[in-house]
Amino acid sequence: MTVTADLAMVNLDSPDPVAHAAFWQRVLGGEITHSQPEYAMVSAGGVAVGFGLVEGYRPPSWPDADTGKRYHLDLHVDDLARAEREFVAAGATKPDFQPGGDRWVVLTDPAGQPFCICPRPQG
């Protein structure tokens, strides 16, 4: 089987990205590599976790299986268009709202959970 993507990072919805990142930096160590009111990121041990502001955020209720979980995966790919075609053929869908321009593409998996495909960094 040919690998088309590598996990780049995990992003979590957040009511307060700066505070959320500070908590996880304390838990995971590493460093806060980005910090703005709308988005913050912690990198530790080769893993990055991002926190994106969601207005009106409501946390999931644990262990309520009826509550939607709030996360998405970012995947690095070598060819954005090819990966999009492959993932759609495998059952993903492409929502109309695409905030990334040519920097990334948002897709949803067959269960409706969003994920992003991003060009692999060069260098």
Protein backbone atom coordinates (compact mmCIF):
# COMPACT_ATOMS: atom_id res chain seq x y z
CA MET A 1 0.00 0.00 0.00
CA THR A 2 1.33 3.44 -0.92
CA VAL A 3 1.22 6.07 1.80
CA THR A 4 -0.39 9.27 0.54
CA ALA A 5 -0.35 11.32 3.75
CA ASP A 6 1.47 11.81 7.05
CA LEU A 7 -0.17 13.19 10.17
CA ALA A 8 1.06 16.77 10.53
CA MET A 9 -0.74 17.89 13.68
CA VAL A 10 -3.98 17.77 15.64
CA ASN A 11 -6.22 20.84 16.05
CA LEU A 12 -8.78 21.27 18.79
CA ASP A 13 -11.69 23.70 18.90
CA SER A 14 -11.36 26.07 21.83
CA PRO A 15 -13.18 28.86 23.63
CA ASP A 16 -9.79 30.48 24.50
CA PRO A 17 -6.84 29.28 22.38
CA VAL A 18 -4.18 31.15 24.38
CA ALA A 19 -5.26 29.67 27.71
CA HIS A 20 -5.85 26.27 26.13
CA ALA A 21 -2.29 26.24 24.70
CA ALA A 22 -0.85 27.36 28.03
CA PHE A 23 -2.55 24.43 29.77
CA TRP A 24 -1.28 21.88 27.25
CA GLN A 25 2.20 23.38 27.22
CA ARG A 26 2.28 22.84 30.94
CA VAL A 27 1.02 19.26 30.55
CA LEU A 28 3.16 18.29 27.54
CA GLY A 29 6.19 20.51 27.99
CA GLY A 30 7.66 21.78 24.75
CA GLU A 31 6.94 25.31 23.70
CA ILE A 32 4.11 27.54 22.60
CA THR A 33 5.03 28.10 18.95
CA HIS A 34 2.10 30.37 18.06
CA SER A 35 -0.18 32.44 20.28
CA GLN A 36 -2.96 34.75 19.12
CA PRO A 37 -6.51 35.14 20.41
CA GLU A 38 -7.92 33.21 17.44
CA TYR A 39 -5.28 30.45 17.25
CA ALA A 40 -2.45 29.04 19.36
CA MET A 41 -0.13 26.05 19.03
CA VAL A 42 2.05 23.88 21.26
CA SER A 43 4.90 21.78 19.87
CA ALA A 44 6.40 19.05 22.04
CA GLY A 45 8.26 15.87 21.25
CA GLY A 46 7.80 16.22 17.50
CA VAL A 47 4.02 16.62 17.85
CA ALA A 48 2.06 19.84 17.36
CA VAL A 49 -1.35 20.56 18.85
CA GLY A 50 -3.27 23.61 17.66
CA PHE A 51 -6.19 25.37 19.31
CA GLY A 52 -8.64 27.31 17.14
CA LEU A 53 -11.18 29.78 18.46
CA VAL A 54 -14.81 28.71 18.08
CA GLU A 55 -17.36 31.33 19.10
CA GLY A 56 -20.07 29.86 21.32
CA TYR A 57 -17.94 26.79 21.96
CA ARG A 58 -19.71 24.08 23.94
CA PRO A 59 -17.52 21.27 25.22
CA PRO A 60 -18.52 17.68 24.57
CA SER A 61 -20.09 15.90 27.51
CA TRP A 62 -18.18 12.82 28.63
CA PRO A 63 -19.16 10.04 28.20
CA ASP A 64 -22.27 11.16 26.32
CA ALA A 65 -22.06 9.37 22.97
CA ASP A 66 -24.64 11.77 21.48
CA THR A 67 -22.40 14.82 21.90
CA GLY A 68 -20.26 15.66 18.88
CA LYS A 69 -16.51 15.63 19.42
CA ARG A 70 -14.52 18.66 18.32
CA TYR A 71 -11.21 17.99 16.63
CA HIS A 72 -9.69 17.73 13.20
CA LEU A 73 -6.51 16.29 11.75
CA ASP A 74 -4.06 18.09 9.46
CA LEU A 75 -2.31 15.86 6.94
CA HIS A 76 0.79 16.77 4.92
CA VAL A 77 0.58 15.59 1.31
CA ASP A 78 2.97 15.83 -1.64
CA ASP A 79 0.30 16.79 -4.19
CA LEU A 80 -2.76 18.63 -2.86
CA ALA A 81 -4.97 18.03 -5.92
CA ARG A 82 -4.06 14.34 -6.20
CA ALA A 83 -4.63 13.73 -2.50
CA GLU A 84 -8.01 15.50 -2.68
CA ARG A 85 -9.07 13.26 -5.58
CA GLU A 86 -7.88 10.12 -3.79
CA PHE A 87 -9.58 10.96 -0.51
CA VAL A 88 -12.86 11.94 -2.19
CA ALA A 89 -12.75 8.67 -4.12
CA ALA A 90 -12.27 6.88 -0.79
CA GLY A 91 -15.43 8.48 0.66
CA ALA A 92 -14.44 11.98 1.83
CA THR A 93 -16.49 15.02 0.82
CA LYS A 94 -15.38 18.59 0.19
CA PRO A 95 -17.50 21.21 1.96
CA ASP A 96 -18.29 24.46 0.15
CA PHE A 97 -16.60 26.57 2.86
CA GLN A 98 -12.84 26.51 2.20
CA PRO A 99 -10.99 29.07 4.35
CA GLY A 100 -7.47 28.02 3.34
CA GLY A 101 -7.22 29.40 -0.18
CA ASP A 102 -4.41 27.45 -1.83
CA ARG A 103 -2.74 26.73 1.53
CA TRP A 104 -4.97 23.79 2.50
CA VAL A 105 -8.19 21.99 1.63
CA VAL A 106 -10.85 21.04 4.15
CA LEU A 107 -12.49 17.65 3.66
CA THR A 108 -14.85 15.63 5.82
CA ASP A 109 -14.45 11.93 6.45
CA PRO A 110 -17.36 9.53 5.90
CA ALA A 111 -18.50 10.14 9.50
CA GLY A 112 -18.59 13.91 8.94
CA GLN A 113 -15.45 14.78 10.96
CA PRO A 114 -13.40 17.48 9.21
CA PHE A 115 -9.73 17.17 8.35
CA CYS A 116 -7.33 19.31 6.34
CA ILE A 117 -4.82 18.36 3.70
CA CYS A 118 -1.82 20.68 3.44
CA PRO A 119 1.18 20.75 1.11
CA ARG A 120 4.18 19.04 2.70
CA PRO A 121 6.77 21.65 3.74
CA GLN A 122 9.79 21.68 1.44
CA GLY A 123 13.26 21.58 2.81
